[in-house]
Amino acid sequence: MSIDKSLRRKNQLARARNVLTRGERIKVLKDEERWKDGRSPFGLPKVRVIKIVVKKAKKAKDEEKAEGEGEAAAPAAGEKKKG
């Protein structure tokens, strides 16, 4: 039996969020050097959310290369056993 989606762990999001928490926004502002010490954490300026795109095509190509190398190595190993 599978677990209902509402009962799964809450801290693991499978998709990118489009809203940051106040702490995350302050961290981004500090990284961009737009944050001044002593400033109020309320009324923060807008911060652009960068969405990370994971490319799967490259991973598939790497797997194909690994399979090709494994097949090429297997007959060579078989020849060594015969010889």
PDB file of N, CA and C in Angstrom:
ATOM      1  N   MET A   1       0.844  -1.171   0.000  1.00  0.00           N
ATOM      2  CA  MET A   1       0.000   0.000   0.000  1.00  0.00           C
ATOM      3  C   MET A   1       0.896   1.242   0.000  1.00  0.00           C
ATOM      4  N   SER A   2       0.537   2.225  -0.756  1.00  0.00           N
ATOM      5  CA  SER A   2       1.337   3.445  -0.850  1.00  0.00           C
ATOM      6  C   SER A   2       0.883   4.473   0.180  1.00  0.00           C
ATOM      7  N   ILE A   3       1.771   5.419   0.466  1.00  0.00           N
ATOM      8  CA  ILE A   3       1.478   6.480   1.425  1.00  0.00           C
ATOM      9  C   ILE A   3       0.778   7.624   0.699  1.00  0.00           C
ATOM     10  N   ASP A   4      -0.271   8.143   1.313  1.00  0.00           N
ATOM     11  CA  ASP A   4      -0.988   9.270   0.739  1.00  0.00           C
ATOM     12  C   ASP A   4      -0.075  10.494   0.698  1.00  0.00           C
ATOM     13  N   LYS A   5      -0.240  11.340  -0.300  1.00  0.00           N
ATOM     14  CA  LYS A   5       0.613  12.517  -0.461  1.00  0.00           C
ATOM     15  C   LYS A   5       0.531  13.455   0.739  1.00  0.00           C
ATOM     16  N   SER A   6      -0.607  13.508   1.410  1.00  0.00           N
ATOM     17  CA  SER A   6      -0.752  14.402   2.546  1.00  0.00           C
ATOM     18  C   SER A   6       0.011  13.898   3.774  1.00  0.00           C
ATOM     19  N   LEU A   7       0.386  12.633   3.788  1.00  0.00           N
ATOM     20  CA  LEU A   7       1.086  12.053   4.932  1.00  0.00           C
ATOM     21  C   LEU A   7       2.593  11.983   4.743  1.00  0.00           C
ATOM     22  N   ARG A   8       3.070  12.392   3.611  1.00  0.00           N
ATOM     23  CA  ARG A   8       4.514  12.361   3.359  1.00  0.00           C
ATOM     24  C   ARG A   8       5.221  13.436   4.158  1.00  0.00           C
ATOM     25  N   ARG A   9       6.544  13.362   4.203  1.00  0.00           N
ATOM     26  CA  ARG A   9       7.324  14.330   4.972  1.00  0.00           C
ATOM     27  C   ARG A   9       7.126  15.720   4.412  1.00  0.00           C
ATOM     28  N   LYS A  10       6.954  16.666   5.300  1.00  0.00           N
ATOM     29  CA  LYS A  10       6.632  18.036   4.895  1.00  0.00           C
ATOM     30  C   LYS A  10       7.868  18.836   4.495  1.00  0.00           C
ATOM     31  N   ASN A  11       9.053  18.462   4.983  1.00  0.00           N
ATOM     32  CA  ASN A  11      10.227  19.284   4.735  1.00  0.00           C
ATOM     33  C   ASN A  11      10.918  18.970   3.413  1.00  0.00           C
ATOM     34  N   GLN A  12      10.404  18.079   2.636  1.00  0.00           N
ATOM     35  CA  GLN A  12      11.030  17.742   1.368  1.00  0.00           C
ATOM     36  C   GLN A  12      10.124  18.164   0.216  1.00  0.00           C
ATOM     37  N   LEU A  13      10.481  19.277  -0.403  1.00  0.00           N
ATOM     38  CA  LEU A  13       9.696  19.759  -1.538  1.00  0.00           C
ATOM     39  C   LEU A  13      10.315  19.246  -2.827  1.00  0.00           C
ATOM     40  N   ALA A  14       9.506  18.746  -3.708  1.00  0.00           N
ATOM     41  CA  ALA A  14       9.992  18.222  -4.972  1.00  0.00           C
ATOM     42  C   ALA A  14      10.080  19.318  -6.030  1.00  0.00           C
ATOM     43  N   ARG A  15       9.441  20.441  -5.772  1.00  0.00           N
ATOM     44  CA  ARG A  15       9.428  21.509  -6.768  1.00  0.00           C
ATOM     45  C   ARG A  15      10.082  22.766  -6.199  1.00  0.00           C
ATOM     46  N   ALA A  16      10.402  23.687  -7.064  1.00  0.00           N
ATOM     47  CA  ALA A  16      11.025  24.946  -6.637  1.00  0.00           C
ATOM     48  C   ALA A  16       9.966  25.864  -6.029  1.00  0.00           C
ATOM     49  N   ARG A  17      10.335  26.548  -4.947  1.00  0.00           N
ATOM     50  CA  ARG A  17       9.400  27.489  -4.326  1.00  0.00           C
ATOM     51  C   ARG A  17       9.573  28.852  -4.967  1.00  0.00           C
ATOM     52  N   ASN A  18       8.490  29.607  -5.044  1.00  0.00           N
ATOM     53  CA  ASN A  18       8.573  30.932  -5.638  1.00  0.00           C
ATOM     54  C   ASN A  18       8.521  32.030  -4.579  1.00  0.00           C
ATOM     55  N   VAL A  19       8.482  31.655  -3.296  1.00  0.00           N
ATOM     56  CA  VAL A  19       8.461  32.625  -2.211  1.00  0.00           C
ATOM     57  C   VAL A  19       9.513  32.216  -1.195  1.00  0.00           C
ATOM     58  N   LEU A  20      10.351  33.171  -0.775  1.00  0.00           N
ATOM     59  CA  LEU A  20      11.380  32.898   0.220  1.00  0.00           C
ATOM     60  C   LEU A  20      10.912  33.349   1.597  1.00  0.00           C
ATOM     61  N   THR A  21      11.444  32.700   2.625  1.00  0.00           N
ATOM     62  CA  THR A  21      11.149  33.138   3.983  1.00  0.00           C
ATOM     63  C   THR A  21      11.929  34.415   4.265  1.00  0.00           C
ATOM     64  N   ARG A  22      11.604  35.086   5.367  1.00  0.00           N
ATOM     65  CA  ARG A  22      12.283  36.338   5.703  1.00  0.00           C
ATOM     66  C   ARG A  22      13.788  36.099   5.883  1.00  0.00           C
ATOM     67  N   GLY A  23      14.149  35.017   6.558  1.00  0.00           N
ATOM     68  CA  GLY A  23      15.562  34.701   6.774  1.00  0.00           C
ATOM     69  C   GLY A  23      16.305  34.450   5.472  1.00  0.00           C
ATOM     70  N   GLU A  24      15.667  33.747   4.546  1.00  0.00           N
ATOM     71  CA  GLU A  24      16.281  33.471   3.244  1.00  0.00           C
ATOM     72  C   GLU A  24      16.447  34.768   2.446  1.00  0.00           C
ATOM     73  N   ARG A  25      15.476  35.659   2.546  1.00  0.00           N
ATOM     74  CA  ARG A  25      15.577  36.942   1.831  1.00  0.00           C
ATOM     75  C   ARG A  25      16.719  37.777   2.385  1.00  0.00           C
ATOM     76  N   ILE A  26      16.882  37.783   3.722  1.00  0.00           N
ATOM     77  CA  ILE A  26      17.982  38.534   4.337  1.00  0.00           C
ATOM     78  C   ILE A  26      19.317  37.951   3.904  1.00  0.00           C
ATOM     79  N   LYS A  27      19.407  36.614   3.834  1.00  0.00           N
ATOM     80  CA  LYS A  27      20.655  35.966   3.407  1.00  0.00           C
ATOM     81  C   LYS A  27      21.014  36.366   1.974  1.00  0.00           C
ATOM     82  N   VAL A  28      20.014  36.397   1.094  1.00  0.00           N
ATOM     83  CA  VAL A  28      20.259  36.803  -0.299  1.00  0.00           C
ATOM     84  C   VAL A  28      20.713  38.255  -0.354  1.00  0.00           C
ATOM     85  N   LEU A  29      20.082  39.121   0.443  1.00  0.00           N
ATOM     86  CA  LEU A  29      20.476  40.525   0.460  1.00  0.00           C
ATOM     87  C   LEU A  29      21.911  40.687   0.970  1.00  0.00           C
ATOM     88  N   LYS A  30      22.300  39.882   1.964  1.00  0.00           N
ATOM     89  CA  LYS A  30      23.680  39.937   2.467  1.00  0.00           C
ATOM     90  C   LYS A  30      24.657  39.477   1.404  1.00  0.00           C
ATOM     91  N   ASP A  31      24.308  38.415   0.679  1.00  0.00           N
ATOM     92  CA  ASP A  31      25.180  37.914  -0.385  1.00  0.00           C
ATOM     93  C   ASP A  31      25.357  38.951  -1.487  1.00  0.00           C
ATOM     94  N   GLU A  32      24.312  39.713  -1.769  1.00  0.00           N
ATOM     95  CA  GLU A  32      24.368  40.757  -2.795  1.00  0.00           C
ATOM     96  C   GLU A  32      24.888  42.083  -2.243  1.00  0.00           C
ATOM     97  N   GLU A  33      25.254  42.104  -0.957  1.00  0.00           N
ATOM     98  CA  GLU A  33      25.753  43.301  -0.274  1.00  0.00           C
ATOM     99  C   GLU A  33      24.745  44.452  -0.305  1.00  0.00           C
ATOM    100  N   ARG A  34      23.462  44.111  -0.190  1.00  0.00           N
ATOM    101  CA  ARG A  34      22.399  45.110  -0.129  1.00  0.00           C
ATOM    102  C   ARG A  34      21.832  45.231   1.280  1.00  0.00           C
ATOM    103  N   TRP A  35      22.363  44.469   2.232  1.00  0.00           N
ATOM    104  CA  TRP A  35      21.849  44.459   3.593  1.00  0.00           C
ATOM    105  C   TRP A  35      22.766  45.280   4.498  1.00  0.00           C
ATOM    106  N   LYS A  36      22.191  46.172   5.287  1.00  0.00           N
ATOM    107  CA  LYS A  36      22.958  46.981   6.236  1.00  0.00           C
ATOM    108  C   LYS A  36      22.643  46.495   7.642  1.00  0.00           C
ATOM    109  N   ASP A  37      23.666  46.354   8.487  1.00  0.00           N
ATOM    110  CA  ASP A  37      23.466  45.916   9.860  1.00  0.00           C
ATOM    111  C   ASP A  37      22.603  46.921  10.609  1.00  0.00           C
ATOM    112  N   GLY A  38      21.754  46.413  11.483  1.00  0.00           N
ATOM    113  CA  GLY A  38      20.890  47.273  12.269  1.00  0.00           C
ATOM    114  C   GLY A  38      19.585  47.632  11.575  1.00  0.00           C
ATOM    115  N   ARG A  39      19.409  47.161  10.347  1.00  0.00           N
ATOM    116  CA  ARG A  39      18.195  47.456   9.598  1.00  0.00           C
ATOM    117  C   ARG A  39      17.041  46.588  10.100  1.00  0.00           C
ATOM    118  N   SER A  40      15.834  47.093  10.014  1.00  0.00           N
ATOM    119  CA  SER A  40      14.655  46.346  10.428  1.00  0.00           C
ATOM    120  C   SER A  40      14.401  45.192   9.454  1.00  0.00           C
ATOM    121  N   PRO A  41      14.047  44.010   9.980  1.00  0.00           N
ATOM    122  CA  PRO A  41      13.765  42.878   9.087  1.00  0.00           C
ATOM    123  C   PRO A  41      12.392  42.965   8.432  1.00  0.00           C
ATOM    124  N   PHE A  42      11.646  43.999   8.721  1.00  0.00           N
ATOM    125  CA  PHE A  42      10.315  44.178   8.132  1.00  0.00           C
ATOM    126  C   PHE A  42      10.397  45.124   6.942  1.00  0.00           C
ATOM    127  N   GLY A  43       9.538  44.932   5.972  1.00  0.00           N
ATOM    128  CA  GLY A  43       9.509  45.794   4.790  1.00  0.00           C
ATOM    129  C   GLY A  43      10.725  45.597   3.910  1.00  0.00           C
ATOM    130  N   LEU A  44      11.120  44.345   3.742  1.00  0.00           N
ATOM    131  CA  LEU A  44      12.304  44.049   2.927  1.00  0.00           C
ATOM    132  C   LEU A  44      12.021  44.295   1.447  1.00  0.00           C
ATOM    133  N   PRO A  45      13.057  44.666   0.683  1.00  0.00           N
ATOM    134  CA  PRO A  45      12.862  44.820  -0.757  1.00  0.00           C
ATOM    135  C   PRO A  45      12.665  43.459  -1.424  1.00  0.00           C
ATOM    136  N   LYS A  46      12.135  43.484  -2.624  1.00  0.00           N
ATOM    137  CA  LYS A  46      11.914  42.249  -3.361  1.00  0.00           C
ATOM    138  C   LYS A  46      13.239  41.602  -3.717  1.00  0.00           C
ATOM    139  N   VAL A  47      13.236  40.278  -3.734  1.00  0.00           N
ATOM    140  CA  VAL A  47      14.428  39.507  -4.069  1.00  0.00           C
ATOM    141  C   VAL A  47      14.040  38.515  -5.150  1.00  0.00           C
ATOM    142  N   ARG A  48      14.835  38.464  -6.195  1.00  0.00           N
ATOM    143  CA  ARG A  48      14.552  37.545  -7.280  1.00  0.00           C
ATOM    144  C   ARG A  48      14.885  36.115  -6.858  1.00  0.00           C
ATOM    145  N   VAL A  49      13.977  35.188  -7.139  1.00  0.00           N
ATOM    146  CA  VAL A  49      14.174  33.779  -6.809  1.00  0.00           C
ATOM    147  C   VAL A  49      14.746  33.094  -8.046  1.00  0.00           C
ATOM    148  N   ILE A  50      15.911  32.512  -7.884  1.00  0.00           N
ATOM    149  CA  ILE A  50      16.557  31.822  -8.991  1.00  0.00           C
ATOM    150  C   ILE A  50      16.161  30.355  -8.947  1.00  0.00           C
ATOM    151  N   LYS A  51      15.531  29.898 -10.007  1.00  0.00           N
ATOM    152  CA  LYS A  51      15.113  28.503 -10.088  1.00  0.00           C
ATOM    153  C   LYS A  51      16.230  27.686 -10.708  1.00  0.00           C
ATOM    154  N   ILE A  52      16.560  26.586 -10.068  1.00  0.00           N
ATOM    155  CA  ILE A  52      17.630  25.721 -10.553  1.00  0.00           C
ATOM    156  C   ILE A  52      17.001  24.627 -11.400  1.00  0.00           C
ATOM    157  N   VAL A  53      17.503  24.477 -12.624  1.00  0.00           N
ATOM    158  CA  VAL A  53      16.991  23.471 -13.534  1.00  0.00           C
ATOM    159  C   VAL A  53      18.011  22.338 -13.594  1.00  0.00           C
ATOM    160  N   VAL A  54      17.554  21.139 -13.312  1.00  0.00           N
ATOM    161  CA  VAL A  54      18.424  19.977 -13.352  1.00  0.00           C
ATOM    162  C   VAL A  54      18.285  19.335 -14.722  1.00  0.00           C
ATOM    163  N   LYS A  55      19.405  19.197 -15.408  1.00  0.00           N
ATOM    164  CA  LYS A  55      19.378  18.605 -16.742  1.00  0.00           C
ATOM    165  C   LYS A  55      19.585  17.103 -16.615  1.00  0.00           C
ATOM    166  N   LYS A  56      18.682  16.336 -17.207  1.00  0.00           N
ATOM    167  CA  LYS A  56      18.762  14.883 -17.132  1.00  0.00           C
ATOM    168  C   LYS A  56      19.430  14.280 -18.363  1.00  0.00           C
ATOM    169  N   ALA A  57      19.522  15.019 -19.448  1.00  0.00           N
ATOM    170  CA  ALA A  57      20.096  14.495 -20.684  1.00  0.00           C
ATOM    171  C   ALA A  57      21.570  14.162 -20.492  1.00  0.00           C
ATOM    172  N   LYS A  58      22.292  14.985 -19.774  1.00  0.00           N
ATOM    173  CA  LYS A  58      23.713  14.740 -19.558  1.00  0.00           C
ATOM    174  C   LYS A  58      23.914  13.474 -18.745  1.00  0.00           C
ATOM    175  N   LYS A  59      23.069  13.245 -17.772  1.00  0.00           N
ATOM    176  CA  LYS A  59      23.165  12.067 -16.926  1.00  0.00           C
ATOM    177  C   LYS A  59      22.924  10.809 -17.763  1.00  0.00           C
ATOM    178  N   ALA A  60      21.978  10.861 -18.672  1.00  0.00           N
ATOM    179  CA  ALA A  60      21.675   9.723 -19.524  1.00  0.00           C
ATOM    180  C   ALA A  60      22.860   9.401 -20.434  1.00  0.00           C
ATOM    181  N   LYS A  61      23.536  10.426 -20.941  1.00  0.00           N
ATOM    182  CA  LYS A  61      24.697  10.204 -21.795  1.00  0.00           C
ATOM    183  C   LYS A  61      25.831   9.550 -21.015  1.00  0.00           C
ATOM    184  N   ASP A  62      26.026   9.964 -19.769  1.00  0.00           N
ATOM    185  CA  ASP A  62      27.063   9.373 -18.935  1.00  0.00           C
ATOM    186  C   ASP A  62      26.786   7.901 -18.678  1.00  0.00           C
ATOM    187  N   GLU A  63      25.524   7.553 -18.477  1.00  0.00           N
ATOM    188  CA  GLU A  63      25.157   6.155 -18.248  1.00  0.00           C
ATOM    189  C   GLU A  63      25.413   5.320 -19.501  1.00  0.00           C
ATOM    190  N   GLU A  64      25.127   5.891 -20.669  1.00  0.00           N
ATOM    191  CA  GLU A  64      25.367   5.166 -21.913  1.00  0.00           C
ATOM    192  C   GLU A  64      26.857   4.910 -22.101  1.00  0.00           C
ATOM    193  N   LYS A  65      27.683   5.887 -21.776  1.00  0.00           N
ATOM    194  CA  LYS A  65      29.127   5.711 -21.895  1.00  0.00           C
ATOM    195  C   LYS A  65      29.615   4.639 -20.933  1.00  0.00           C
ATOM    196  N   ALA A  66      29.086   4.617 -19.716  1.00  0.00           N
ATOM    197  CA  ALA A  66      29.487   3.630 -18.722  1.00  0.00           C
ATOM    198  C   ALA A  66      29.090   2.232 -19.162  1.00  0.00           C
ATOM    199  N   GLU A  67      27.918   2.098 -19.767  1.00  0.00           N
ATOM    200  CA  GLU A  67      27.479   0.800 -20.262  1.00  0.00           C
ATOM    201  C   GLU A  67      28.368   0.340 -21.412  1.00  0.00           C
ATOM    202  N   GLY A  68      28.731   1.251 -22.286  1.00  0.00           N
ATOM    203  CA  GLY A  68      29.601   0.919 -23.415  1.00  0.00           C
ATOM    204  C   GLY A  68      30.974   0.479 -22.950  1.00  0.00           C
ATOM    205  N   GLU A  69      31.506   1.135 -21.944  1.00  0.00           N
ATOM    206  CA  GLU A  69      32.803   0.761 -21.408  1.00  0.00           C
ATOM    207  C   GLU A  69      32.736  -0.581 -20.707  1.00  0.00           C
ATOM    208  N   GLY A  70      31.652  -0.846 -20.015  1.00  0.00           N
ATOM    209  CA  GLY A  70      31.473  -2.111 -19.308  1.00  0.00           C
ATOM    210  C   GLY A  70      31.387  -3.277 -20.277  1.00  0.00           C
ATOM    211  N   GLU A  71      30.717  -3.094 -21.394  1.00  0.00           N
ATOM    212  CA  GLU A  71      30.600  -4.140 -22.400  1.00  0.00           C
ATOM    213  C   GLU A  71      31.926  -4.371 -23.097  1.00  0.00           C
ATOM    214  N   ALA A  72      32.679  -3.328 -23.345  1.00  0.00           N
ATOM    215  CA  ALA A  72      33.983  -3.466 -23.997  1.00  0.00           C
ATOM    216  C   ALA A  72      34.979  -4.148 -23.059  1.00  0.00           C
ATOM    217  N   ALA A  73      34.860  -3.904 -21.773  1.00  0.00           N
ATOM    218  CA  ALA A  73      35.787  -4.494 -20.815  1.00  0.00           C
ATOM    219  C   ALA A  73      35.449  -5.970 -20.584  1.00  0.00           C
ATOM    220  N   ALA A  74      34.173  -6.347 -20.661  1.00  0.00           N
ATOM    221  CA  ALA A  74      33.770  -7.708 -20.381  1.00  0.00           C
ATOM    222  C   ALA A  74      34.349  -8.714 -21.394  1.00  0.00           C
ATOM    223  N   PRO A  75      34.302  -8.468 -22.714  1.00  0.00           N
ATOM    224  CA  PRO A  75      34.892  -9.424 -23.656  1.00  0.00           C
ATOM    225  C   PRO A  75      36.427  -9.479 -23.492  1.00  0.00           C
ATOM    226  N   ALA A  76      37.028  -8.368 -23.185  1.00  0.00           N
ATOM    227  CA  ALA A  76      38.473  -8.383 -23.007  1.00  0.00           C
ATOM    228  C   ALA A  76      38.838  -9.248 -21.813  1.00  0.00           C
ATOM    229  N   ALA A  77      38.052  -9.195 -20.774  1.00  0.00           N
ATOM    230  CA  ALA A  77      38.305 -10.023 -19.603  1.00  0.00           C
ATOM    231  C   ALA A  77      38.084 -11.494 -19.948  1.00  0.00           C
ATOM    232  N   GLY A  78      37.086 -11.751 -20.775  1.00  0.00           N
ATOM    233  CA  GLY A  78      36.809 -13.136 -21.196  1.00  0.00           C
ATOM    234  C   GLY A  78      37.947 -13.698 -22.026  1.00  0.00           C
ATOM    235  N   GLU A  79      38.561 -12.874 -22.856  1.00  0.00           N
ATOM    236  CA  GLU A  79      39.686 -13.325 -23.680  1.00  0.00           C
ATOM    237  C   GLU A  79      40.887 -13.660 -22.815  1.00  0.00           C
ATOM    238  N   LYS A  80      41.099 -12.888 -21.762  1.00  0.00           N
ATOM    239  CA  LYS A  80      42.218 -13.148 -20.874  1.00  0.00           C
ATOM    240  C   LYS A  80      42.060 -14.492 -20.169  1.00  0.00           C
ATOM    241  N   LYS A  81      40.832 -14.844 -19.844  1.00  0.00           N
ATOM    242  CA  LYS A  81      40.586 -16.115 -19.169  1.00  0.00           C
ATOM    243  C   LYS A  81      40.849 -17.288 -20.098  1.00  0.00           C
ATOM    244  N   LYS A  82      40.504 -17.125 -21.380  1.00  0.00           N
ATOM    245  CA  LYS A  82      40.704 -18.209 -22.359  1.00  0.00           C
ATOM    246  C   LYS A  82      42.181 -18.376 -22.680  1.00  0.00           C
ATOM    247  N   GLY A  83      42.919 -17.297 -22.776  1.00  0.00           N
ATOM    248  CA  GLY A  83      44.299 -17.289 -23.240  1.00  0.00           C
ATOM    249  C   GLY A  83      45.270 -17.639 -22.212  1.00  0.00           C
TER     250      GLY A  83
END
